[in-house]
Amino acid sequence: MKLSNKLGIKLRRFWNILGPGLITGASDDDPSGIATYSQAGAAYGLSTLWTAIITFPLMAAIQEMCARIGIVTTQGLTGTLKSYYSKSVLYLMLLFSFPAIVMNIGADIAGMGAVGNLLFPNINASYFSVAFTVLLLILIVFLPYQKIFSILKYLCVALLVYLIVPFLYKQDWLAVIKGTFIPSIKFDKNFISILVGILGTTISPYLFFWQATMEVEHIKQMKKEIVVNKKIMRDMKQDVDFGMLFSNIVMFFLILTTGTVLFNSGIHQIDTVEQAAIALKPLAGNAAYLLFALGVIGTGLLAIPVLSGSLSYIVTETFGWEQGLDKKFHEAKAFYIVIAISLVLGLSLNYIGISPIKALIYSAILYGLTAPVLIAVILHIANNKKIMGQYTNGKMSNCLGFAALILMSAAAIVLVYLQIKSIN
């Protein structure tokens, strides 16, 4: 067999292994995340590149635990919480998750609408927002799971555009290497706020719920009995690790793009994705502008189903309602109604005076408050032999998990402090 054929077979096998982990990681780079990374680069140049290196192992460890919990318990994270923990913990997660995810959806819809308006100026941004919302709702409700899964998987390719954009502009690669491997921290409110924002964007609670549930759905759709073995665990870990690595590479290149093009041109304030796209156009050329804008729409189409789907799984598992993207509308009405409500509420935020930036701030606060609690619960579940049997955490998983817990707890405290200080 030729070397090229062997390579092709290996790549196909690897692509077939990729699934929930890849989709979860890619959905983390949604339009609101792109806005956060763009602001980090514009405000501080290459000073935050190192965060992509630091957050990767923490993200991978937490998401792998969630995936493992899903595979072993054969239910989502909400179902596990409901079965083994106090209902007060479950309801607290629901109380904080619902508004946070809805506001995140709203910010993403607004970002997609605004970028659509940039590409077609004669069409109002609100029309694009409505059109994207309706399109997503139709696709989620009427397409079978395998189609949705395939679409989400191939939409991940849209993120590759952000790996191209930096090469359309002259780079100081020595400065890039320095910014990547030598952490730079400025002890001022704005810089700490950016670091907290990056942490909140990369390690988001809704991803924990989505990962666990999707592992169960994925194995069911592959028509396999959920018999846990080393191969399933190995494939899952490869998928999760690659998905989180892919997510952080995209994050790295987004900061690199704005940290060189915008920062070096004196543009230090970026509040929305469309501002970043507009600023890139005269500096890096039409190609960079178009790729950046198209990437925003692609990531929105990928992330919003994940956001609304994770919320619906949380709600329906909490109340014991029928759920699943593999089911038709009449088989899981409540599940799809929750998705529809989350999309409509997210869209409506743009019409009731809550700006995308405010929505991002509010959702970041709620994510920041719930993430440490959830990480602590995930660690407890993943170390509980009564739940996980022989598949409890190893030493490395625990070290990285507790590091994520400490870091997210510190971020939550700082975030609350900064918000109180800004009010006073």
Protein backbone atom coordinates (compact mmCIF):
# COMPACT_ATOMS: atom_id res chain seq x y z
CA MET A 1 0.00 0.00 0.00
CA LYS A 2 1.35 3.42 -0.94
CA LEU A 3 2.39 5.82 1.82
CA SER A 4 -0.20 8.37 0.65
CA ASN A 5 -2.98 5.74 0.90
CA LYS A 6 -1.91 4.75 4.42
CA LEU A 7 -1.89 8.40 5.44
CA GLY A 8 -5.32 8.90 3.90
CA ILE A 9 -6.74 5.91 5.81
CA LYS A 10 -5.25 7.17 9.09
CA LEU A 11 -6.68 10.65 8.53
CA ARG A 12 -10.14 9.22 7.75
CA ARG A 13 -10.02 7.10 10.90
CA PHE A 14 -9.01 10.11 12.95
CA TRP A 15 -11.77 12.25 11.38
CA ASN A 16 -14.31 9.53 12.27
CA ILE A 17 -13.11 9.56 15.89
CA LEU A 18 -13.65 13.31 16.08
CA GLY A 19 -17.12 14.33 17.20
CA PRO A 20 -18.47 15.87 20.43
CA GLY A 21 -15.02 17.07 21.54
CA LEU A 22 -14.27 18.84 18.25
CA ILE A 23 -17.73 20.46 18.10
CA THR A 24 -17.54 21.55 21.75
CA GLY A 25 -14.09 23.06 21.31
CA ALA A 26 -14.98 24.85 18.08
CA SER A 27 -18.24 26.22 19.50
CA ASP A 28 -16.22 27.85 22.28
CA ASP A 29 -14.86 30.27 19.66
CA ASP A 30 -18.27 31.85 19.08
CA PRO A 31 -18.83 35.49 18.00
CA SER A 32 -18.83 36.66 21.62
CA GLY A 33 -15.55 34.82 22.18
CA ILE A 34 -14.11 36.38 19.03
CA ALA A 35 -15.04 39.83 20.43
CA THR A 36 -13.24 39.03 23.70
CA TYR A 37 -10.07 37.82 21.96
CA SER A 38 -10.15 40.77 19.56
CA GLN A 39 -10.30 43.22 22.45
CA ALA A 40 -7.43 41.41 24.19
CA GLY A 41 -5.25 41.75 21.09
CA ALA A 42 -6.28 45.33 20.28
CA ALA A 43 -5.77 46.58 23.84
CA TYR A 44 -2.58 44.73 24.79
CA GLY A 45 -0.96 43.53 21.59
CA LEU A 46 0.70 40.15 22.02
CA SER A 47 0.75 40.34 25.83
CA THR A 48 -2.08 37.81 26.25
CA LEU A 49 -0.94 35.19 23.72
CA TRP A 50 0.36 33.01 26.57
CA THR A 51 -3.18 32.50 27.86
CA ALA A 52 -3.84 30.11 24.95
CA ILE A 53 -1.05 27.86 26.27
CA ILE A 54 -2.21 28.02 29.91
CA THR A 55 -5.92 27.43 29.30
CA PHE A 56 -5.54 24.45 26.94
CA PRO A 57 -4.65 21.72 29.51
CA LEU A 58 -7.24 23.08 31.97
CA MET A 59 -10.02 23.06 29.35
CA ALA A 60 -9.03 19.62 28.11
CA ALA A 61 -8.99 18.16 31.64
CA ILE A 62 -12.43 19.49 32.62
CA GLN A 63 -14.08 18.57 29.31
CA GLU A 64 -12.55 15.07 29.43
CA MET A 65 -14.04 14.58 32.91
CA CYS A 66 -17.46 15.68 31.63
CA ALA A 67 -17.18 13.33 28.64
CA ARG A 68 -16.13 10.44 30.87
CA ILE A 69 -19.03 11.14 33.27
CA GLY A 70 -21.44 11.05 30.32
CA ILE A 71 -20.07 7.76 28.99
CA VAL A 72 -19.96 5.96 32.37
CA THR A 73 -23.32 7.19 33.74
CA THR A 74 -25.08 7.10 30.32
CA GLN A 75 -26.73 10.41 31.13
CA GLY A 76 -25.96 14.10 30.94
CA LEU A 77 -24.33 16.12 33.70
CA THR A 78 -27.74 17.39 34.81
CA GLY A 79 -29.04 13.84 35.12
CA THR A 80 -26.02 12.85 37.21
CA LEU A 81 -26.49 15.87 39.49
CA LYS A 82 -30.17 14.98 39.84
CA SER A 83 -29.41 11.35 40.71
CA TYR A 84 -26.63 11.84 43.22
CA TYR A 85 -26.75 15.38 44.60
CA SER A 86 -29.07 17.78 46.37
CA LYS A 87 -31.79 19.31 44.21
CA SER A 88 -30.76 22.74 45.51
CA VAL A 89 -27.45 22.40 43.61
CA LEU A 90 -29.35 21.43 40.46
CA TYR A 91 -31.81 24.33 40.70
CA LEU A 92 -28.99 26.78 41.46
CA MET A 93 -27.21 25.71 38.26
CA LEU A 94 -30.44 26.13 36.31
CA LEU A 95 -31.10 29.55 37.85
CA PHE A 96 -27.70 30.88 36.77
CA SER A 97 -27.33 28.96 33.51
CA PHE A 98 -30.61 29.94 31.85
CA PRO A 99 -30.08 33.74 31.74
CA ALA A 100 -26.35 33.40 31.05
CA ILE A 101 -26.85 31.15 28.03
CA VAL A 102 -29.76 33.22 26.69
CA MET A 103 -27.66 36.40 26.89
CA ASN A 104 -24.78 34.59 25.19
CA ILE A 105 -27.13 33.51 22.39
CA GLY A 106 -28.38 37.10 22.08
CA ALA A 107 -24.85 38.48 21.79
CA ASP A 108 -23.97 35.89 19.14
CA ILE A 109 -27.12 36.56 17.09
CA ALA A 110 -26.45 40.31 17.22
CA GLY A 111 -22.84 39.76 16.14
CA MET A 112 -23.88 37.62 13.18
CA GLY A 113 -26.51 40.17 12.16
CA ALA A 114 -24.05 43.06 12.34
CA VAL A 115 -21.47 41.21 10.26
CA GLY A 116 -24.14 40.24 7.72
CA ASN A 117 -24.92 43.95 7.42
CA LEU A 118 -21.23 44.69 6.80
CA LEU A 119 -21.14 42.22 3.92
CA PHE A 120 -24.48 43.46 2.51
CA PRO A 121 -24.89 47.10 3.67
CA ASN A 122 -28.28 47.54 1.98
CA ILE A 123 -29.86 44.97 4.31
CA ASN A 124 -30.49 46.01 7.92
CA ALA A 125 -28.61 44.04 10.60
CA SER A 126 -31.85 43.21 12.42
CA TYR A 127 -33.16 41.42 9.29
CA PHE A 128 -30.05 39.25 9.26
CA SER A 129 -30.46 38.50 12.97
CA VAL A 130 -34.05 37.37 12.44
CA ALA A 131 -33.12 35.35 9.34
CA PHE A 132 -30.26 33.54 11.12
CA THR A 133 -32.53 32.79 14.10
CA VAL A 134 -35.27 31.33 11.90
CA LEU A 135 -32.74 29.34 9.84
CA LEU A 136 -31.16 27.84 12.95
CA LEU A 137 -34.54 26.97 14.46
CA ILE A 138 -35.67 25.20 11.28
CA LEU A 139 -32.41 23.24 11.00
CA ILE A 140 -32.41 22.17 14.66
CA VAL A 141 -36.09 21.12 14.72
CA PHE A 142 -36.43 19.44 11.34
CA LEU A 143 -33.05 17.87 10.60
CA PRO A 144 -32.24 14.43 12.08
CA TYR A 145 -29.41 14.20 14.61
CA GLN A 146 -26.88 12.74 12.16
CA LYS A 147 -27.44 15.65 9.75
CA ILE A 148 -27.11 18.22 12.54
CA PHE A 149 -24.00 16.46 13.82
CA SER A 150 -22.42 16.39 10.33
CA ILE A 151 -23.24 20.06 9.70
CA LEU A 152 -21.77 21.12 13.05
CA LYS A 153 -18.69 18.99 12.43
CA TYR A 154 -18.03 20.51 9.01
CA LEU A 155 -18.80 24.03 10.26
CA CYS A 156 -15.71 23.64 12.45
CA VAL A 157 -13.73 24.07 9.23
CA ALA A 158 -14.99 27.68 9.12
CA LEU A 159 -12.65 28.45 12.00
CA LEU A 160 -9.64 27.66 9.81
CA VAL A 161 -10.03 31.11 8.23
CA TYR A 162 -8.59 32.64 11.41
CA LEU A 163 -5.41 30.64 10.90
CA ILE A 164 -4.94 32.35 7.54
CA VAL A 165 -5.63 35.99 8.46
CA PRO A 166 -2.37 36.70 10.41
CA PHE A 167 -0.29 35.64 7.41
CA LEU A 168 -1.89 38.37 5.30
CA TYR A 169 -0.04 40.89 7.47
CA LYS A 170 3.68 41.20 8.22
CA GLN A 171 4.54 39.61 11.58
CA ASP A 172 7.41 40.06 14.04
CA TRP A 173 7.80 36.36 14.82
CA LEU A 174 10.34 36.95 17.58
CA ALA A 175 7.75 39.09 19.41
CA VAL A 176 5.14 36.38 18.77
CA ILE A 177 7.36 33.71 20.37
CA LYS A 178 8.05 35.99 23.34
CA GLY A 179 4.35 36.76 23.85
CA THR A 180 3.53 33.04 23.62
CA PHE A 181 6.02 31.59 26.07
CA ILE A 182 6.82 34.46 28.45
CA PRO A 183 3.73 35.44 30.47
CA SER A 184 3.16 39.17 30.80
CA ILE A 185 0.78 40.45 33.48
CA LYS A 186 -0.17 44.06 34.11
CA PHE A 187 -1.70 44.66 37.53
CA ASP A 188 -4.38 47.08 36.48
CA LYS A 189 -8.16 46.78 36.34
CA ASN A 190 -8.49 46.63 32.54
CA PHE A 191 -5.83 43.97 32.01
CA ILE A 192 -7.16 41.78 34.83
CA SER A 193 -10.65 42.21 33.35
CA ILE A 194 -9.37 40.91 30.01
CA LEU A 195 -7.75 37.89 31.68
CA VAL A 196 -10.98 37.14 33.54
CA GLY A 197 -12.91 37.53 30.27
CA ILE A 198 -10.59 35.09 28.48
CA LEU A 199 -10.96 32.53 31.26
CA GLY A 200 -14.74 32.90 31.31
CA THR A 201 -14.90 32.55 27.53
CA THR A 202 -12.67 29.47 27.31
CA ILE A 203 -13.91 27.54 30.37
CA SER A 204 -17.68 28.07 30.08
CA PRO A 205 -20.21 26.05 32.14
CA TYR A 206 -22.58 25.37 29.22
CA LEU A 207 -19.80 23.39 27.53
CA PHE A 208 -19.63 21.04 30.54
CA PHE A 209 -23.30 20.09 30.10
CA TRP A 210 -23.08 19.81 26.32
CA GLN A 211 -19.98 17.58 26.38
CA ALA A 212 -21.45 15.00 28.78
CA THR A 213 -24.78 14.79 26.96
CA MET A 214 -23.26 14.61 23.50
CA GLU A 215 -21.04 11.69 24.43
CA VAL A 216 -24.15 9.67 25.31
CA GLU A 217 -26.01 10.81 22.17
CA HIS A 218 -23.00 10.09 19.97
CA ILE A 219 -22.53 6.52 21.16
CA LYS A 220 -26.27 5.83 20.80
CA GLN A 221 -26.24 7.15 17.25
CA MET A 222 -23.29 4.94 16.38
CA LYS A 223 -25.65 2.08 17.30
CA LYS A 224 -23.28 0.77 19.93
CA GLU A 225 -24.22 -0.59 23.31
CA ILE A 226 -22.72 1.70 25.92
CA VAL A 227 -20.20 -0.81 27.25
CA VAL A 228 -17.36 1.22 28.64
CA ASN A 229 -13.94 0.00 27.57
CA LYS A 230 -10.44 1.37 27.06
CA LYS A 231 -10.96 1.97 23.33
CA ILE A 232 -14.05 4.14 23.89
CA MET A 233 -12.17 6.12 26.54
CA ARG A 234 -9.08 6.46 24.35
CA ASP A 235 -11.10 7.65 21.35
CA MET A 236 -13.04 10.08 23.53
CA LYS A 237 -9.82 11.54 24.98
CA GLN A 238 -8.33 11.99 21.50
CA ASP A 239 -11.49 13.77 20.38
CA VAL A 240 -11.63 16.06 23.44
CA ASP A 241 -7.91 16.87 23.40
CA PHE A 242 -7.97 17.70 19.69
CA GLY A 243 -11.16 19.78 20.07
CA MET A 244 -9.72 21.86 22.90
CA LEU A 245 -6.38 22.22 21.11
CA PHE A 246 -8.17 23.38 17.96
CA SER A 247 -10.19 25.88 20.03
CA ASN A 248 -7.07 27.33 21.62
CA ILE A 249 -5.17 27.53 18.34
CA VAL A 250 -8.02 29.61 16.90
CA MET A 251 -8.01 31.77 20.03
CA PHE A 252 -4.23 32.22 19.65
CA PHE A 253 -4.51 33.34 16.02
CA LEU A 254 -7.37 35.73 16.78
CA ILE A 255 -5.29 37.46 19.45
CA LEU A 256 -2.29 37.38 17.09
CA THR A 257 -4.30 39.04 14.27
CA THR A 258 -5.73 41.88 16.34
CA GLY A 259 -2.60 42.13 18.50
CA THR A 260 -0.50 42.99 15.46
CA VAL A 261 -2.84 44.61 12.93
CA LEU A 262 -5.02 46.69 15.28
CA PHE A 263 -2.69 47.26 18.24
CA ASN A 264 0.22 48.39 16.06
CA SER A 265 -2.12 50.80 14.24
CA GLY A 266 -3.24 52.49 17.44
CA ILE A 267 -6.70 50.87 17.58
CA HIS A 268 -6.99 49.72 21.19
CA GLN A 269 -10.74 49.49 21.80
CA ILE A 270 -12.85 46.80 20.16
CA ASP A 271 -16.28 46.16 21.64
CA THR A 272 -17.90 44.04 18.92
CA VAL A 273 -16.90 41.64 16.15
CA GLU A 274 -18.05 44.02 13.44
CA GLN A 275 -15.75 46.73 14.82
CA ALA A 276 -12.85 44.29 14.55
CA ALA A 277 -13.78 43.41 10.96
CA ILE A 278 -14.15 47.08 9.96
CA ALA A 279 -10.81 47.97 11.56
CA LEU A 280 -9.04 45.15 9.73
CA LYS A 281 -10.23 46.21 6.27
CA PRO A 282 -8.01 49.27 5.62
CA LEU A 283 -5.06 47.79 7.52
CA ALA A 284 -4.85 44.17 6.39
CA GLY A 285 -6.85 44.32 3.16
CA ASN A 286 -10.16 43.05 1.83
CA ALA A 287 -9.15 39.39 2.05
CA ALA A 288 -8.53 39.58 5.80
CA TYR A 289 -11.76 41.55 6.29
CA LEU A 290 -13.89 39.06 4.35
CA LEU A 291 -12.34 36.00 5.98
CA PHE A 292 -12.79 37.49 9.44
CA ALA A 293 -16.43 38.41 8.74
CA LEU A 294 -17.34 35.06 7.18
CA GLY A 295 -15.69 33.30 10.11
CA VAL A 296 -17.99 35.13 12.52
CA ILE A 297 -21.10 33.88 10.70
CA GLY A 298 -19.71 30.33 10.51
CA THR A 299 -18.88 30.23 14.21
CA GLY A 300 -22.31 31.64 15.08
CA LEU A 301 -24.06 28.91 13.08
CA LEU A 302 -21.93 26.39 14.97
CA ALA A 303 -22.13 27.84 18.49
CA ILE A 304 -25.80 28.83 18.79
CA PRO A 305 -27.15 25.27 18.35
CA VAL A 306 -24.66 24.18 21.03
CA LEU A 307 -25.76 26.97 23.39
CA SER A 308 -29.49 26.42 22.89
CA GLY A 309 -29.10 22.63 22.87
CA SER A 310 -27.12 22.59 26.11
CA LEU A 311 -29.73 24.80 27.78
CA SER A 312 -32.56 22.54 26.62
CA TYR A 313 -30.76 19.44 27.90
CA ILE A 314 -30.27 21.16 31.29
CA VAL A 315 -33.96 22.11 31.56
CA THR A 316 -35.47 18.86 30.28
CA GLU A 317 -33.16 16.63 32.33
CA THR A 318 -33.94 18.71 35.42
CA PHE A 319 -37.68 18.14 35.07
CA GLY A 320 -37.50 14.64 33.62
CA TRP A 321 -38.95 15.58 30.23
CA GLU A 322 -38.21 13.69 27.03
CA GLN A 323 -35.14 15.07 25.31
CA GLY A 324 -32.68 14.49 22.50
CA LEU A 325 -31.63 15.87 19.13
CA ASP A 326 -32.15 12.34 17.80
CA LYS A 327 -35.88 12.62 18.48
CA LYS A 328 -38.50 14.23 16.25
CA PHE A 329 -40.51 17.24 17.41
CA HIS A 330 -43.61 15.24 18.39
CA GLU A 331 -41.44 12.85 20.42
CA ALA A 332 -39.74 15.59 22.50
CA LYS A 333 -41.89 18.71 22.23
CA ALA A 334 -40.65 20.28 25.47
CA PHE A 335 -37.02 19.84 24.37
CA TYR A 336 -37.53 21.70 21.10
CA ILE A 337 -39.80 24.31 22.66
CA VAL A 338 -37.04 25.22 25.14
CA ILE A 339 -34.62 25.59 22.21
CA ALA A 340 -37.12 27.83 20.39
CA ILE A 341 -37.72 29.93 23.51
CA SER A 342 -33.98 30.41 24.09
CA LEU A 343 -33.47 31.54 20.48
CA VAL A 344 -36.43 33.94 20.56
CA LEU A 345 -35.39 35.37 23.93
CA GLY A 346 -31.82 35.78 22.70
CA LEU A 347 -33.05 37.60 19.60
CA SER A 348 -35.39 39.80 21.65
CA LEU A 349 -32.55 41.12 23.82
CA ASN A 350 -31.54 43.30 20.88
CA TYR A 351 -34.96 44.97 20.92
CA ILE A 352 -35.42 45.62 24.65
CA GLY A 353 -32.39 47.81 25.26
CA ILE A 354 -29.81 45.20 26.28
CA SER A 355 -26.80 45.73 24.03
CA PRO A 356 -24.57 42.82 22.96
CA ILE A 357 -21.78 44.19 25.16
CA LYS A 358 -24.03 44.30 28.23
CA ALA A 359 -25.24 40.80 27.44
CA LEU A 360 -21.63 39.61 27.29
CA ILE A 361 -20.80 41.29 30.60
CA TYR A 362 -23.84 39.84 32.35
CA SER A 363 -23.29 36.35 30.96
CA ALA A 364 -19.58 36.53 31.91
CA ILE A 365 -20.55 37.38 35.50
CA LEU A 366 -23.03 34.48 35.69
CA TYR A 367 -20.57 32.06 34.07
CA GLY A 368 -17.87 33.28 36.45
CA LEU A 369 -20.06 32.59 39.46
CA THR A 370 -21.24 29.14 38.37
CA ALA A 371 -18.01 27.76 36.84
CA PRO A 372 -16.10 27.24 40.14
CA VAL A 373 -19.10 25.51 41.75
CA LEU A 374 -19.61 23.27 38.72
CA ILE A 375 -15.91 22.41 38.45
CA ALA A 376 -15.92 21.42 42.15
CA VAL A 377 -18.98 19.20 41.57
CA ILE A 378 -17.43 17.67 38.42
CA LEU A 379 -14.25 16.87 40.36
CA HIS A 380 -16.31 15.25 43.09
CA ILE A 381 -18.28 13.14 40.61
CA ALA A 382 -15.16 12.15 38.67
CA ASN A 383 -13.50 10.92 41.91
CA ASN A 384 -16.58 9.11 43.22
CA LYS A 385 -16.11 5.34 42.77
CA LYS A 386 -19.82 4.69 43.43
CA ILE A 387 -20.59 6.69 40.27
CA MET A 388 -17.50 6.20 38.11
CA GLY A 389 -16.36 2.71 39.14
CA GLN A 390 -12.86 2.05 37.77
CA TYR A 391 -12.96 5.20 35.65
CA THR A 392 -12.28 7.76 38.38
CA ASN A 393 -9.75 10.55 37.88
CA GLY A 394 -6.03 9.90 37.69
CA LYS A 395 -3.46 12.13 39.40
CA MET A 396 -2.93 14.34 36.35
CA SER A 397 -6.67 14.91 35.84
CA ASN A 398 -7.02 15.91 39.48
CA CYS A 399 -4.01 18.25 39.38
CA LEU A 400 -5.31 20.03 36.27
CA GLY A 401 -8.89 20.00 37.59
CA PHE A 402 -7.94 21.59 40.90
CA ALA A 403 -5.75 24.12 39.07
CA ALA A 404 -8.80 25.07 36.97
CA LEU A 405 -10.91 25.29 40.15
CA ILE A 406 -8.43 27.61 41.88
CA LEU A 407 -7.97 29.77 38.79
CA MET A 408 -11.71 30.08 38.07
CA SER A 409 -12.47 30.80 41.74
CA ALA A 410 -9.87 33.57 41.75
CA ALA A 411 -11.30 34.88 38.47
CA ALA A 412 -14.83 34.89 39.94
CA ILE A 413 -13.67 36.83 43.02
CA VAL A 414 -11.79 39.35 40.89
CA LEU A 415 -14.75 39.69 38.50
CA VAL A 416 -17.20 40.41 41.33
CA TYR A 417 -14.73 42.84 42.92
CA LEU A 418 -14.24 44.74 39.66
CA GLN A 419 -17.99 44.96 39.08
CA ILE A 420 -18.65 46.27 42.60
CA LYS A 421 -15.78 48.76 42.25
CA SER A 422 -17.11 50.00 38.88
CA ILE A 423 -20.57 50.57 40.44
CA ASN A 424 -19.11 52.49 43.39
